[in-house]
Amino acid sequence: MAVESQGGRPLVLGLLLCVLGPVVSHAGKILLIPVDGSHWLSMLGAIQQLQQRGHEIVVLAPDASL
C-alpha cells in the first residue's frame, strides 16, 4: 500500500498556527483532572496563581482525593 505525499501543506499550516496562535488566542479556562498524591499538592501553587490572574479553573476530582 503506497502512502501519498501531501507536499508541504501540513508543515506550512502547522507553522502558521504556531506563529499566529498566541496572537489570536486568549486562553482563560483551564480544566484540571488531578492525580492523588504529591502531584496534586505541587500543582496547588500554580493553580492559585492562575486563578489570581483571572483564569476560570474547573477541577474534576472525587471528594476523597481533595
PDB file of N, CA and C in Angstrom:
ATOM      1  N   MET A   1       0.847  -1.177   0.000  1.00  0.00           N
ATOM      2  CA  MET A   1       0.000   0.000   0.000  1.00  0.00           C
ATOM      3  C   MET A   1       0.894   1.242   0.000  1.00  0.00           C
ATOM      4  N   ALA A   2       0.739   2.091  -0.956  1.00  0.00           N
ATOM      5  CA  ALA A   2       1.569   3.285  -1.090  1.00  0.00           C
ATOM      6  C   ALA A   2       0.986   4.429  -0.265  1.00  0.00           C
ATOM      7  N   VAL A   3       1.870   5.218   0.309  1.00  0.00           N
ATOM      8  CA  VAL A   3       1.460   6.394   1.073  1.00  0.00           C
ATOM      9  C   VAL A   3       1.622   7.606   0.175  1.00  0.00           C
ATOM     10  N   GLU A   4       0.546   8.370   0.009  1.00  0.00           N
ATOM     11  CA  GLU A   4       0.602   9.553  -0.842  1.00  0.00           C
ATOM     12  C   GLU A   4       1.130  10.735  -0.049  1.00  0.00           C
ATOM     13  N   SER A   5       1.983  11.510  -0.667  1.00  0.00           N
ATOM     14  CA  SER A   5       2.541  12.696  -0.028  1.00  0.00           C
ATOM     15  C   SER A   5       1.609  13.882  -0.242  1.00  0.00           C
ATOM     16  N   GLN A   6       1.422  14.681   0.792  1.00  0.00           N
ATOM     17  CA  GLN A   6       0.579  15.871   0.686  1.00  0.00           C
ATOM     18  C   GLN A   6       1.424  17.120   0.483  1.00  0.00           C
ATOM     19  N   GLY A   7       2.684  16.947   0.197  1.00  0.00           N
ATOM     20  CA  GLY A   7       3.547  18.098  -0.001  1.00  0.00           C
ATOM     21  C   GLY A   7       3.845  18.784   1.312  1.00  0.00           C
ATOM     22  N   GLY A   8       4.022  20.078   1.264  1.00  0.00           N
ATOM     23  CA  GLY A   8       4.374  20.832   2.459  1.00  0.00           C
ATOM     24  C   GLY A   8       3.200  21.485   3.143  1.00  0.00           C
ATOM     25  N   ARG A   9       1.975  21.194   2.703  1.00  0.00           N
ATOM     26  CA  ARG A   9       0.801  21.849   3.291  1.00  0.00           C
ATOM     27  C   ARG A   9       0.664  21.631   4.794  1.00  0.00           C
ATOM     28  N   PRO A  10       0.757  20.409   5.306  1.00  0.00           N
ATOM     29  CA  PRO A  10       0.633  20.243   6.761  1.00  0.00           C
ATOM     30  C   PRO A  10       1.718  20.990   7.532  1.00  0.00           C
ATOM     31  N   LEU A  11       2.918  21.019   6.995  1.00  0.00           N
ATOM     32  CA  LEU A  11       4.014  21.730   7.651  1.00  0.00           C
ATOM     33  C   LEU A  11       3.749  23.228   7.677  1.00  0.00           C
ATOM     34  N   VAL A  12       3.318  23.772   6.554  1.00  0.00           N
ATOM     35  CA  VAL A  12       3.030  25.205   6.476  1.00  0.00           C
ATOM     36  C   VAL A  12       1.879  25.564   7.406  1.00  0.00           C
ATOM     37  N   LEU A  13       0.838  24.755   7.418  1.00  0.00           N
ATOM     38  CA  LEU A  13      -0.300  25.010   8.296  1.00  0.00           C
ATOM     39  C   LEU A  13       0.117  24.950   9.764  1.00  0.00           C
ATOM     40  N   GLY A  14       0.918  23.963  10.117  1.00  0.00           N
ATOM     41  CA  GLY A  14       1.400  23.845  11.492  1.00  0.00           C
ATOM     42  C   GLY A  14       2.234  25.041  11.914  1.00  0.00           C
ATOM     43  N   LEU A  15       3.131  25.478  11.047  1.00  0.00           N
ATOM     44  CA  LEU A  15       3.951  26.652  11.356  1.00  0.00           C
ATOM     45  C   LEU A  15       3.105  27.911  11.469  1.00  0.00           C
ATOM     46  N   LEU A  16       2.118  28.041  10.604  1.00  0.00           N
ATOM     47  CA  LEU A  16       1.230  29.197  10.659  1.00  0.00           C
ATOM     48  C   LEU A  16       0.458  29.236  11.974  1.00  0.00           C
ATOM     49  N   LEU A  17      -0.037  28.094  12.410  1.00  0.00           N
ATOM     50  CA  LEU A  17      -0.756  28.034  13.687  1.00  0.00           C
ATOM     51  C   LEU A  17       0.155  28.362  14.859  1.00  0.00           C
ATOM     52  N   CYS A  18       1.394  27.905  14.809  1.00  0.00           N
ATOM     53  CA  CYS A  18       2.346  28.197  15.888  1.00  0.00           C
ATOM     54  C   CYS A  18       2.667  29.683  15.962  1.00  0.00           C
ATOM     55  N   VAL A  19       2.756  30.321  14.806  1.00  0.00           N
ATOM     56  CA  VAL A  19       3.100  31.744  14.776  1.00  0.00           C
ATOM     57  C   VAL A  19       1.906  32.613  15.156  1.00  0.00           C
ATOM     58  N   LEU A  20       0.732  32.303  14.624  1.00  0.00           N
ATOM     59  CA  LEU A  20      -0.443  33.133  14.863  1.00  0.00           C
ATOM     60  C   LEU A  20      -1.223  32.744  16.110  1.00  0.00           C
ATOM     61  N   GLY A  21      -1.014  31.555  16.627  1.00  0.00           N
ATOM     62  CA  GLY A  21      -1.769  31.077  17.783  1.00  0.00           C
ATOM     63  C   GLY A  21      -1.737  32.006  18.974  1.00  0.00           C
ATOM     64  N   PRO A  22      -0.556  32.410  19.436  1.00  0.00           N
ATOM     65  CA  PRO A  22      -0.510  33.297  20.605  1.00  0.00           C
ATOM     66  C   PRO A  22      -1.144  34.663  20.355  1.00  0.00           C
ATOM     67  N   VAL A  23      -1.164  35.110  19.107  1.00  0.00           N
ATOM     68  CA  VAL A  23      -1.719  36.420  18.789  1.00  0.00           C
ATOM     69  C   VAL A  23      -3.241  36.408  18.821  1.00  0.00           C
ATOM     70  N   VAL A  24      -3.853  35.344  18.318  1.00  0.00           N
ATOM     71  CA  VAL A  24      -5.305  35.318  18.183  1.00  0.00           C
ATOM     72  C   VAL A  24      -6.017  34.535  19.280  1.00  0.00           C
ATOM     73  N   SER A  25      -5.296  33.907  20.174  1.00  0.00           N
ATOM     74  CA  SER A  25      -5.957  33.125  21.218  1.00  0.00           C
ATOM     75  C   SER A  25      -5.699  33.734  22.589  1.00  0.00           C
ATOM     76  N   HIS A  26      -6.723  33.670  23.412  1.00  0.00           N
ATOM     77  CA  HIS A  26      -6.636  34.169  24.779  1.00  0.00           C
ATOM     78  C   HIS A  26      -7.254  33.116  25.692  1.00  0.00           C
ATOM     79  N   ALA A  27      -6.462  32.164  26.112  1.00  0.00           N
ATOM     80  CA  ALA A  27      -6.972  31.086  26.958  1.00  0.00           C
ATOM     81  C   ALA A  27      -7.321  31.648  28.325  1.00  0.00           C
ATOM     82  N   GLY A  28      -8.492  31.320  28.802  1.00  0.00           N
ATOM     83  CA  GLY A  28      -8.913  31.792  30.098  1.00  0.00           C
ATOM     84  C   GLY A  28      -9.560  30.712  30.939  1.00  0.00           C
ATOM     85  N   LYS A  29      -9.853  29.575  30.320  1.00  0.00           N
ATOM     86  CA  LYS A  29     -10.499  28.485  31.035  1.00  0.00           C
ATOM     87  C   LYS A  29      -9.560  27.293  31.078  1.00  0.00           C
ATOM     88  N   ILE A  30      -9.420  26.714  32.260  1.00  0.00           N
ATOM     89  CA  ILE A  30      -8.494  25.600  32.457  1.00  0.00           C
ATOM     90  C   ILE A  30      -9.237  24.467  33.143  1.00  0.00           C
ATOM     91  N   LEU A  31      -9.128  23.263  32.597  1.00  0.00           N
ATOM     92  CA  LEU A  31      -9.723  22.070  33.188  1.00  0.00           C
ATOM     93  C   LEU A  31      -8.608  21.235  33.787  1.00  0.00           C
ATOM     94  N   LEU A  32      -8.736  20.891  35.058  1.00  0.00           N
ATOM     95  CA  LEU A  32      -7.744  20.070  35.744  1.00  0.00           C
ATOM     96  C   LEU A  32      -8.366  18.756  36.178  1.00  0.00           C
ATOM     97  N   ILE A  33      -7.652  17.682  35.933  1.00  0.00           N
ATOM     98  CA  ILE A  33      -8.045  16.365  36.419  1.00  0.00           C
ATOM     99  C   ILE A  33      -6.855  15.849  37.220  1.00  0.00           C
ATOM    100  N   PRO A  34      -6.845  16.121  38.528  1.00  0.00           N
ATOM    101  CA  PRO A  34      -5.663  15.807  39.334  1.00  0.00           C
ATOM    102  C   PRO A  34      -5.503  14.321  39.630  1.00  0.00           C
ATOM    103  N   VAL A  35      -4.272  13.963  39.923  1.00  0.00           N
ATOM    104  CA  VAL A  35      -3.916  12.616  40.353  1.00  0.00           C
ATOM    105  C   VAL A  35      -3.617  12.705  41.845  1.00  0.00           C
ATOM    106  N   ASP A  36      -4.006  11.683  42.597  1.00  0.00           N
ATOM    107  CA  ASP A  36      -3.766  11.692  44.042  1.00  0.00           C
ATOM    108  C   ASP A  36      -2.280  11.805  44.353  1.00  0.00           C
ATOM    109  N   GLY A  37      -2.000  12.385  45.500  1.00  0.00           N
ATOM    110  CA  GLY A  37      -0.626  12.400  45.986  1.00  0.00           C
ATOM    111  C   GLY A  37       0.079  13.729  45.785  1.00  0.00           C
ATOM    112  N   SER A  38       1.397  13.650  45.740  1.00  0.00           N
ATOM    113  CA  SER A  38       2.227  14.848  45.714  1.00  0.00           C
ATOM    114  C   SER A  38       2.061  15.664  44.434  1.00  0.00           C
ATOM    115  N   HIS A  39       1.632  15.037  43.338  1.00  0.00           N
ATOM    116  CA  HIS A  39       1.432  15.796  42.107  1.00  0.00           C
ATOM    117  C   HIS A  39       0.369  16.871  42.308  1.00  0.00           C
ATOM    118  N   TRP A  40      -0.695  16.529  42.991  1.00  0.00           N
ATOM    119  CA  TRP A  40      -1.769  17.484  43.255  1.00  0.00           C
ATOM    120  C   TRP A  40      -1.275  18.594  44.168  1.00  0.00           C
ATOM    121  N   LEU A  41      -0.519  18.240  45.192  1.00  0.00           N
ATOM    122  CA  LEU A  41      -0.018  19.252  46.123  1.00  0.00           C
ATOM    123  C   LEU A  41       0.940  20.218  45.437  1.00  0.00           C
ATOM    124  N   SER A  42       1.758  19.717  44.530  1.00  0.00           N
ATOM    125  CA  SER A  42       2.695  20.603  43.839  1.00  0.00           C
ATOM    126  C   SER A  42       1.989  21.490  42.812  1.00  0.00           C
ATOM    127  N   MET A  43       0.820  21.090  42.343  1.00  0.00           N
ATOM    128  CA  MET A  43       0.068  21.898  41.383  1.00  0.00           C
ATOM    129  C   MET A  43      -0.719  23.019  42.049  1.00  0.00           C
ATOM    130  N   LEU A  44      -0.990  22.912  43.336  1.00  0.00           N
ATOM    131  CA  LEU A  44      -1.851  23.889  44.002  1.00  0.00           C
ATOM    132  C   LEU A  44      -1.338  25.319  43.873  1.00  0.00           C
ATOM    133  N   GLY A  45      -0.044  25.525  44.037  1.00  0.00           N
ATOM    134  CA  GLY A  45       0.522  26.874  43.926  1.00  0.00           C
ATOM    135  C   GLY A  45       0.302  27.470  42.545  1.00  0.00           C
ATOM    136  N   ALA A  46       0.534  26.666  41.516  1.00  0.00           N
ATOM    137  CA  ALA A  46       0.336  27.139  40.145  1.00  0.00           C
ATOM    138  C   ALA A  46      -1.138  27.426  39.879  1.00  0.00           C
ATOM    139  N   ILE A  47      -2.012  26.583  40.407  1.00  0.00           N
ATOM    140  CA  ILE A  47      -3.454  26.776  40.221  1.00  0.00           C
ATOM    141  C   ILE A  47      -3.903  28.079  40.872  1.00  0.00           C
ATOM    142  N   GLN A  48      -3.427  28.343  42.069  1.00  0.00           N
ATOM    143  CA  GLN A  48      -3.801  29.566  42.770  1.00  0.00           C
ATOM    144  C   GLN A  48      -3.314  30.808  42.020  1.00  0.00           C
ATOM    145  N   GLN A  49      -2.114  30.748  41.463  1.00  0.00           N
ATOM    146  CA  GLN A  49      -1.594  31.876  40.684  1.00  0.00           C
ATOM    147  C   GLN A  49      -2.433  32.120  39.431  1.00  0.00           C
ATOM    148  N   LEU A  50      -2.806  31.043  38.750  1.00  0.00           N
ATOM    149  CA  LEU A  50      -3.634  31.188  37.554  1.00  0.00           C
ATOM    150  C   LEU A  50      -4.992  31.784  37.898  1.00  0.00           C
ATOM    151  N   GLN A  51      -5.561  31.363  39.024  1.00  0.00           N
ATOM    152  CA  GLN A  51      -6.857  31.889  39.447  1.00  0.00           C
ATOM    153  C   GLN A  51      -6.744  33.376  39.785  1.00  0.00           C
ATOM    154  N   GLN A  52      -5.661  33.778  40.428  1.00  0.00           N
ATOM    155  CA  GLN A  52      -5.462  35.187  40.762  1.00  0.00           C
ATOM    156  C   GLN A  52      -5.306  36.048  39.510  1.00  0.00           C
ATOM    157  N   ARG A  53      -4.827  35.446  38.438  1.00  0.00           N
ATOM    158  CA  ARG A  53      -4.642  36.183  37.180  1.00  0.00           C
ATOM    159  C   ARG A  53      -5.906  36.212  36.328  1.00  0.00           C
ATOM    160  N   GLY A  54      -7.009  35.671  36.852  1.00  0.00           N
ATOM    161  CA  GLY A  54      -8.290  35.785  36.177  1.00  0.00           C
ATOM    162  C   GLY A  54      -8.737  34.586  35.363  1.00  0.00           C
ATOM    163  N   HIS A  55      -8.009  33.486  35.424  1.00  0.00           N
ATOM    164  CA  HIS A  55      -8.411  32.294  34.686  1.00  0.00           C
ATOM    165  C   HIS A  55      -9.554  31.591  35.416  1.00  0.00           C
ATOM    166  N   GLU A  56     -10.470  31.018  34.653  1.00  0.00           N
ATOM    167  CA  GLU A  56     -11.545  30.212  35.225  1.00  0.00           C
ATOM    168  C   GLU A  56     -11.055  28.772  35.286  1.00  0.00           C
ATOM    169  N   ILE A  57     -11.028  28.207  36.481  1.00  0.00           N
ATOM    170  CA  ILE A  57     -10.462  26.875  36.681  1.00  0.00           C
ATOM    171  C   ILE A  57     -11.546  25.925  37.160  1.00  0.00           C
ATOM    172  N   VAL A  58     -11.638  24.768  36.517  1.00  0.00           N
ATOM    173  CA  VAL A  58     -12.568  23.711  36.908  1.00  0.00           C
ATOM    174  C   VAL A  58     -11.738  22.481  37.234  1.00  0.00           C
ATOM    175  N   VAL A  59     -11.972  21.916  38.421  1.00  0.00           N
ATOM    176  CA  VAL A  59     -11.245  20.721  38.850  1.00  0.00           C
ATOM    177  C   VAL A  59     -12.227  19.564  38.919  1.00  0.00           C
ATOM    178  N   LEU A  60     -11.943  18.492  38.186  1.00  0.00           N
ATOM    179  CA  LEU A  60     -12.756  17.278  38.237  1.00  0.00           C
ATOM    180  C   LEU A  60     -12.018  16.261  39.091  1.00  0.00           C
ATOM    181  N   ALA A  61     -12.532  16.027  40.291  1.00  0.00           N
ATOM    182  CA  ALA A  61     -11.880  15.085  41.199  1.00  0.00           C
ATOM    183  C   ALA A  61     -12.915  14.522  42.156  1.00  0.00           C
ATOM    184  N   PRO A  62     -12.754  13.264  42.552  1.00  0.00           N
ATOM    185  CA  PRO A  62     -13.653  12.716  43.573  1.00  0.00           C
ATOM    186  C   PRO A  62     -13.411  13.406  44.912  1.00  0.00           C
ATOM    187  N   ASP A  63     -14.433  13.445  45.762  1.00  0.00           N
ATOM    188  CA  ASP A  63     -14.316  14.095  47.070  1.00  0.00           C
ATOM    189  C   ASP A  63     -13.168  13.538  47.893  1.00  0.00           C
ATOM    190  N   ALA A  64     -12.911  12.256  47.790  1.00  0.00           N
ATOM    191  CA  ALA A  64     -11.893  11.619  48.620  1.00  0.00           C
ATOM    192  C   ALA A  64     -10.489  12.117  48.306  1.00  0.00           C
ATOM    193  N   SER A  65     -10.245  12.593  47.077  1.00  0.00           N
ATOM    194  CA  SER A  65      -8.889  12.996  46.721  1.00  0.00           C
ATOM    195  C   SER A  65      -8.587  14.448  47.056  1.00  0.00           C
ATOM    196  N   LEU A  66      -9.594  15.233  47.423  1.00  0.00           N
ATOM    197  CA  LEU A  66      -9.356  16.626  47.771  1.00  0.00           C
ATOM    198  C   LEU A  66      -9.085  16.708  49.237  1.00  0.00           C
TER     199      LEU A  66
END
